[in-house]
Amino acid sequence: MMKISAKTICIALGVLAATWAAAQQGPGQNSAKPKLYNTAKQKLLEGKQVFSYTQSKFDIAGNCEAAKHYDYTWYEMQHSTLEFRDIEAMIAACPHAGATPMIRLPDAQEMRIQHATDIGVLGIIVPTVDDVDRAREAAKWARYPPVARRSAGGGQYNSIWGINGINYRQTINDNMLVVIMIETPTGVANAYDIASVPGVDVVIIGNNDLSSFSGFPQNDDRYQAMITKVHDDTLRAGKIFGQANSIYYKDHPLSKDAKFFQNGPSNDGWVPPPGRGGRGANPTAPPPGEDGPVVPAGRGRGGGR
């Protein structure tokens, strides 16, 4: 009878254990997850801040120039006359210029969210969310089954993002970014429940409207307590926190945790020319019409709905 040494047995058991572990993991689980084509979301997941250019008018040349310099484009549909066909054309003109296309919609209706995703946006921003119902609606229509209820339809999304071997249908759920805006005391009260909704990725303060709805200026301690509560609730729910007013990206107690902003500095120092975005030499200025009362340095100033 052939004798088997204890050393041989140990080696064999080690090989069997390694084989079993690999089988449990399944194919591809040892490799790093591929980076997202939603580059703004990728930066957020890496713990970095992201900033936008606000596009409120149909301007293909201006949009494509700005897209070279920012993390994402904030296409404005709540407070502008832009239509889906306008944004569709602007996205199609330069989809890979740099900025991730996102739309602030007027509401969380299925029709609007499906239109937005079909024209190729990689993120939606839903304003004035007061409760979990509106947050659930936003999340429900932004992604495909099994996690949500976006339906399959036509549009330019696949020709833009389903390229270079990428399967759009299998990857878009991971790349989609759902941003919820809290802008009222009711929303503040419900912030934890709102942030906890599956499919909500980011919760941001609509700074000027929160001041308007609450009656507190942004330098009031009661206002600061509200945004601190939303910050705490958002992080407790495991989601990303931000503020629409990009003046808060630094020199504020919550700046280190605030990651998502409307407007703000470009990635390369580029400044929008006057008349485009309304900011000129001040990259953190809010869009026209969204200015609020000035508050002391370090606490930010109005704007950024």
Protein backbone atom coordinates (compact mmCIF):
# COMPACT_ATOMS: atom_id res chain seq x y z
CA MET A 1 0.00 0.00 0.00
CA MET A 2 1.37 3.43 -0.97
CA LYS A 3 1.88 5.81 1.94
CA ILE A 4 0.75 9.42 1.61
CA SER A 5 2.63 11.95 3.66
CA ALA A 6 0.93 14.48 5.88
CA LYS A 7 2.47 17.25 3.76
CA THR A 8 0.87 15.89 0.58
CA ILE A 9 -2.51 15.70 2.28
CA CYS A 10 -2.23 19.34 3.44
CA ILE A 11 -1.35 20.51 -0.07
CA ALA A 12 -4.27 18.59 -1.56
CA LEU A 13 -6.68 20.01 0.98
CA GLY A 14 -5.39 23.51 0.24
CA VAL A 15 -6.00 23.07 -3.49
CA LEU A 16 -9.52 21.77 -2.83
CA ALA A 17 -10.27 24.71 -0.54
CA ALA A 18 -9.07 27.23 -3.12
CA THR A 19 -11.12 25.53 -5.86
CA TRP A 20 -14.25 25.57 -3.67
CA ALA A 21 -13.78 29.27 -2.82
CA ALA A 22 -13.41 30.17 -6.50
CA ALA A 23 -16.56 28.24 -7.35
CA GLN A 24 -18.49 30.07 -4.64
CA GLN A 25 -17.37 33.45 -5.95
CA GLY A 26 -18.42 32.75 -9.51
CA PRO A 27 -16.78 34.03 -12.70
CA GLY A 28 -15.40 37.53 -12.74
CA GLN A 29 -15.78 38.25 -9.03
CA ASN A 30 -12.04 38.28 -8.47
CA SER A 31 -11.59 41.07 -10.99
CA ALA A 32 -12.18 44.72 -10.27
CA LYS A 33 -15.54 46.09 -11.28
CA PRO A 34 -15.21 48.11 -14.51
CA LYS A 35 -15.40 51.88 -14.26
CA LEU A 36 -18.69 53.50 -15.08
CA TYR A 37 -19.31 55.44 -18.27
CA ASN A 38 -21.25 57.84 -16.06
CA THR A 39 -18.04 59.60 -15.10
CA ALA A 40 -19.77 61.95 -12.66
CA LYS A 41 -21.16 58.98 -10.71
CA GLN A 42 -17.76 57.32 -10.82
CA LYS A 43 -16.21 60.39 -9.19
CA LEU A 44 -18.93 60.45 -6.53
CA LEU A 45 -18.29 56.79 -5.70
CA GLU A 46 -14.60 57.66 -5.33
CA GLY A 47 -15.56 60.30 -2.75
CA LYS A 48 -14.91 63.30 -5.00
CA GLN A 49 -16.98 66.43 -5.52
CA VAL A 50 -18.74 67.02 -8.84
CA PHE A 51 -19.80 70.30 -10.43
CA SER A 52 -21.98 71.25 -13.36
CA TYR A 53 -22.71 73.74 -16.03
CA THR A 54 -26.38 74.76 -16.09
CA GLN A 55 -27.85 74.68 -19.60
CA SER A 56 -31.16 76.57 -19.71
CA LYS A 57 -31.33 77.50 -23.40
CA PHE A 58 -31.03 75.67 -26.69
CA ASP A 59 -27.42 76.35 -27.65
CA ILE A 60 -25.52 73.46 -29.23
CA ALA A 61 -22.20 75.28 -29.57
CA GLY A 62 -22.28 76.67 -26.03
CA ASN A 63 -23.36 73.34 -24.58
CA CYS A 64 -20.60 71.40 -26.33
CA GLU A 65 -17.95 73.89 -25.25
CA ALA A 66 -19.02 73.83 -21.61
CA ALA A 67 -19.23 70.03 -21.60
CA LYS A 68 -15.47 69.83 -22.09
CA HIS A 69 -14.82 71.42 -18.71
CA TYR A 70 -17.38 70.10 -16.20
CA ASP A 71 -18.30 66.83 -14.53
CA TYR A 72 -21.89 66.96 -15.69
CA THR A 73 -24.38 69.17 -17.49
CA TRP A 74 -27.44 70.26 -15.52
CA TYR A 75 -30.10 70.56 -18.22
CA GLU A 76 -32.75 72.77 -16.68
CA MET A 77 -36.38 71.86 -17.33
CA GLN A 78 -38.02 73.01 -14.11
CA HIS A 79 -37.30 76.71 -14.66
CA SER A 80 -36.80 77.03 -18.40
CA THR A 81 -38.63 76.56 -21.69
CA LEU A 82 -36.28 73.78 -22.83
CA GLU A 83 -38.07 70.83 -24.37
CA PHE A 84 -36.93 67.23 -24.65
CA ARG A 85 -36.19 67.58 -28.35
CA ASP A 86 -33.85 70.52 -27.56
CA ILE A 87 -31.89 68.51 -25.00
CA GLU A 88 -31.92 65.46 -27.27
CA ALA A 89 -30.19 67.49 -29.99
CA MET A 90 -27.64 68.98 -27.60
CA ILE A 91 -26.73 65.57 -26.18
CA ALA A 92 -26.46 64.06 -29.67
CA ALA A 93 -24.10 66.80 -30.84
CA CYS A 94 -21.32 65.94 -28.39
CA PRO A 95 -22.25 63.02 -26.09
CA HIS A 96 -18.66 62.18 -25.19
CA ALA A 97 -17.26 65.67 -24.75
CA GLY A 98 -16.79 65.10 -21.03
CA ALA A 99 -19.79 66.18 -18.98
CA THR A 100 -22.35 63.55 -18.02
CA PRO A 101 -25.83 64.60 -19.25
CA MET A 102 -28.40 65.04 -16.48
CA ILE A 103 -31.81 66.75 -16.42
CA ARG A 104 -33.59 68.54 -13.61
CA LEU A 105 -37.19 67.61 -14.33
CA PRO A 106 -40.25 69.51 -13.09
CA ASP A 107 -41.59 66.40 -11.32
CA ALA A 108 -41.28 62.61 -11.03
CA GLN A 109 -43.84 61.60 -13.65
CA GLU A 110 -43.22 58.36 -15.52
CA MET A 111 -43.56 60.08 -18.92
CA ARG A 112 -40.91 62.70 -18.19
CA ILE A 113 -38.41 60.27 -16.69
CA GLN A 114 -38.82 57.82 -19.58
CA HIS A 115 -38.39 60.65 -22.10
CA ALA A 116 -35.24 61.74 -20.28
CA THR A 117 -33.67 58.29 -20.20
CA ASP A 118 -34.64 57.53 -23.81
CA ILE A 119 -32.81 60.61 -25.11
CA GLY A 120 -29.66 59.45 -23.34
CA VAL A 121 -29.33 61.18 -19.99
CA LEU A 122 -27.42 59.30 -17.32
CA GLY A 123 -29.04 61.04 -14.39
CA ILE A 124 -32.22 62.76 -13.27
CA ILE A 125 -32.68 65.46 -10.65
CA VAL A 126 -36.12 65.65 -9.06
CA PRO A 127 -37.04 68.84 -7.16
CA THR A 128 -39.17 69.57 -4.09
CA VAL A 129 -39.35 66.05 -2.71
CA ASP A 130 -41.37 66.15 0.50
CA ASP A 131 -42.01 62.47 1.12
CA VAL A 132 -41.11 58.92 0.20
CA ASP A 133 -43.87 58.66 -2.40
CA ARG A 134 -42.26 61.20 -4.72
CA ALA A 135 -38.81 59.72 -4.08
CA ARG A 136 -40.10 56.25 -4.95
CA GLU A 137 -41.63 57.54 -8.18
CA ALA A 138 -38.30 59.07 -9.17
CA ALA A 139 -36.44 55.83 -8.52
CA LYS A 140 -39.13 53.60 -10.03
CA TRP A 141 -38.99 54.91 -13.59
CA ALA A 142 -35.24 55.59 -13.85
CA ARG A 143 -34.01 51.99 -14.04
CA TYR A 144 -34.97 48.77 -15.80
CA PRO A 145 -36.36 45.66 -14.12
CA PRO A 146 -35.77 43.81 -11.93
CA VAL A 147 -34.84 46.74 -9.68
CA ALA A 148 -37.30 49.26 -11.12
CA ARG A 149 -39.91 49.74 -13.87
CA ARG A 150 -38.42 51.61 -16.79
CA SER A 151 -39.85 50.15 -19.96
CA ALA A 152 -37.93 49.37 -23.13
CA GLY A 153 -38.41 51.96 -25.84
CA GLY A 154 -36.80 53.76 -28.72
CA GLY A 155 -34.41 56.65 -28.51
CA GLN A 156 -30.79 57.58 -29.01
CA TYR A 157 -29.59 56.16 -25.68
CA ASN A 158 -28.23 52.93 -27.14
CA SER A 159 -26.38 54.54 -30.04
CA ILE A 160 -24.65 56.87 -27.57
CA TRP A 161 -23.82 54.53 -24.68
CA GLY A 162 -24.17 51.04 -26.15
CA ILE A 163 -20.87 51.26 -28.03
CA ASN A 164 -17.41 49.67 -27.89
CA GLY A 165 -18.83 46.36 -26.74
CA ILE A 166 -20.98 47.87 -23.97
CA ASN A 167 -24.40 46.30 -23.45
CA TYR A 168 -26.54 49.31 -22.53
CA ARG A 169 -29.42 47.26 -21.12
CA GLN A 170 -27.12 45.34 -18.81
CA THR A 171 -25.09 48.33 -17.62
CA ILE A 172 -27.38 51.37 -17.42
CA ASN A 173 -28.89 50.51 -14.04
CA ASP A 174 -25.44 50.82 -12.47
CA ASN A 175 -24.68 54.00 -14.41
CA MET A 176 -27.96 55.81 -13.73
CA LEU A 177 -27.85 58.52 -11.05
CA VAL A 178 -31.03 59.54 -9.23
CA VAL A 179 -30.74 62.82 -7.36
CA ILE A 180 -33.43 64.03 -4.97
CA MET A 181 -33.80 67.66 -3.89
CA ILE A 182 -35.08 68.54 -0.42
CA GLU A 183 -36.38 72.11 -0.40
CA THR A 184 -39.04 72.40 2.30
CA PRO A 185 -39.31 71.87 6.07
CA THR A 186 -41.57 68.89 5.32
CA GLY A 187 -38.82 67.34 3.23
CA VAL A 188 -36.32 68.03 6.00
CA ALA A 189 -38.57 66.25 8.52
CA ASN A 190 -38.79 63.21 6.22
CA ALA A 191 -35.16 63.29 5.07
CA TYR A 192 -34.08 59.93 6.47
CA ASP A 193 -37.05 58.08 4.97
CA ILE A 194 -36.52 59.85 1.63
CA ALA A 195 -32.80 59.06 1.54
CA SER A 196 -33.49 55.43 2.48
CA VAL A 197 -35.61 54.78 -0.64
CA PRO A 198 -33.88 52.12 -2.77
CA GLY A 199 -32.69 53.60 -6.04
CA VAL A 200 -32.10 57.09 -4.65
CA ASP A 201 -28.37 57.80 -4.98
CA VAL A 202 -27.93 61.42 -3.94
CA VAL A 203 -29.87 63.84 -1.73
CA ILE A 204 -29.16 67.55 -2.08
CA ILE A 205 -30.45 70.71 -0.49
CA GLY A 206 -32.29 73.19 -2.69
CA ASN A 207 -30.76 76.06 -0.75
CA ASN A 208 -32.66 79.08 -1.98
CA ASP A 209 -36.05 77.37 -1.94
CA LEU A 210 -35.44 75.89 1.50
CA SER A 211 -34.84 79.43 2.73
CA SER A 212 -37.97 80.61 0.93
CA PHE A 213 -40.23 77.81 2.19
CA SER A 214 -38.94 77.93 5.75
CA GLY A 215 -38.75 81.71 6.08
CA PHE A 216 -35.21 81.48 7.47
CA PRO A 217 -32.27 83.20 5.77
CA GLN A 218 -29.34 80.96 5.08
CA ASN A 219 -27.26 82.50 7.86
CA ASP A 220 -29.95 81.74 10.44
CA ASP A 221 -29.06 78.98 12.91
CA ARG A 222 -32.46 77.38 12.31
CA TYR A 223 -31.70 77.12 8.59
CA GLN A 224 -28.28 75.66 9.31
CA ALA A 225 -29.88 73.13 11.66
CA MET A 226 -32.17 71.98 8.84
CA ILE A 227 -29.37 71.37 6.36
CA THR A 228 -27.35 69.64 9.07
CA LYS A 229 -30.28 67.30 9.72
CA VAL A 230 -30.55 66.43 6.02
CA HIS A 231 -26.79 65.86 5.93
CA ASP A 232 -26.91 63.55 8.94
CA ASP A 233 -29.95 61.63 7.71
CA THR A 234 -28.52 61.19 4.21
CA LEU A 235 -25.23 59.78 5.45
CA ARG A 236 -27.03 57.56 7.96
CA ALA A 237 -29.01 56.10 5.06
CA GLY A 238 -25.76 55.40 3.21
CA LYS A 239 -26.38 57.90 0.41
CA ILE A 240 -24.41 60.83 -1.03
CA PHE A 241 -25.07 64.34 0.26
CA GLY A 242 -24.87 67.57 -1.71
CA GLN A 243 -26.07 71.15 -1.91
CA ALA A 244 -27.40 72.87 -4.99
CA ASN A 245 -25.61 76.10 -4.13
CA SER A 246 -21.98 75.47 -5.01
CA ILE A 247 -20.77 78.24 -2.71
CA TYR A 248 -21.02 75.55 -0.01
CA TYR A 249 -18.37 73.36 -1.61
CA LYS A 250 -15.72 74.79 0.71
CA ASP A 251 -15.37 76.81 3.91
CA HIS A 252 -18.57 75.45 5.44
CA PRO A 253 -18.93 72.90 8.28
CA LEU A 254 -20.55 70.39 5.89
CA SER A 255 -18.22 70.95 2.94
CA LYS A 256 -16.12 67.84 3.55
CA ASP A 257 -19.17 65.62 3.16
CA ALA A 258 -20.93 67.59 0.40
CA LYS A 259 -20.18 66.04 -3.00
CA PHE A 260 -22.84 67.08 -5.53
CA PHE A 261 -23.40 70.70 -6.60
CA GLN A 262 -25.13 72.76 -9.25
CA ASN A 263 -22.55 74.94 -10.99
CA GLY A 264 -19.20 75.49 -9.31
CA PRO A 265 -15.61 75.54 -10.56
CA SER A 266 -14.72 73.77 -13.77
CA ASN A 267 -12.17 70.96 -13.85
CA ASP A 268 -9.58 73.01 -15.70
CA GLY A 269 -10.17 76.63 -14.67
CA TRP A 270 -12.37 77.44 -17.66
CA VAL A 271 -14.96 80.15 -16.95
CA PRO A 272 -18.27 80.40 -18.85
CA PRO A 273 -18.44 83.54 -20.94
CA PRO A 274 -20.98 86.18 -19.89
CA GLY A 275 -24.44 85.33 -21.16
CA ARG A 276 -23.89 81.58 -20.94
CA GLY A 277 -25.02 80.33 -17.57
CA GLY A 278 -25.06 83.90 -16.32
CA ARG A 279 -21.93 83.54 -14.24
CA GLY A 280 -19.11 85.24 -16.04
CA ALA A 281 -16.03 85.36 -13.82
CA ASN A 282 -17.86 83.93 -10.80
CA PRO A 283 -18.09 80.16 -11.31
CA THR A 284 -20.08 79.57 -8.13
CA ALA A 285 -22.84 82.08 -8.92
CA PRO A 286 -26.31 80.53 -9.24
CA PRO A 287 -28.22 80.62 -12.52
CA PRO A 288 -30.13 83.83 -13.31
CA GLY A 289 -33.35 84.15 -11.35
CA GLU A 290 -32.19 81.82 -8.59
CA ASP A 291 -30.32 84.38 -6.54
CA GLY A 292 -31.30 84.70 -2.93
CA PRO A 293 -30.31 86.94 -0.03
CA VAL A 294 -26.61 87.23 0.57
CA VAL A 295 -25.32 85.53 3.72
CA PRO A 296 -21.96 85.86 5.48
CA ALA A 297 -18.81 84.25 4.10
CA GLY A 298 -18.39 80.67 5.21
CA ARG A 299 -22.14 80.08 5.25
CA GLY A 300 -22.74 80.47 1.52
CA ARG A 301 -25.15 82.73 -0.29
CA GLY A 302 -28.53 82.38 -1.84
CA GLY A 303 -29.21 80.61 -5.05
CA GLY A 304 -29.01 77.10 -6.24
CA ARG A 305 -32.54 75.86 -6.09
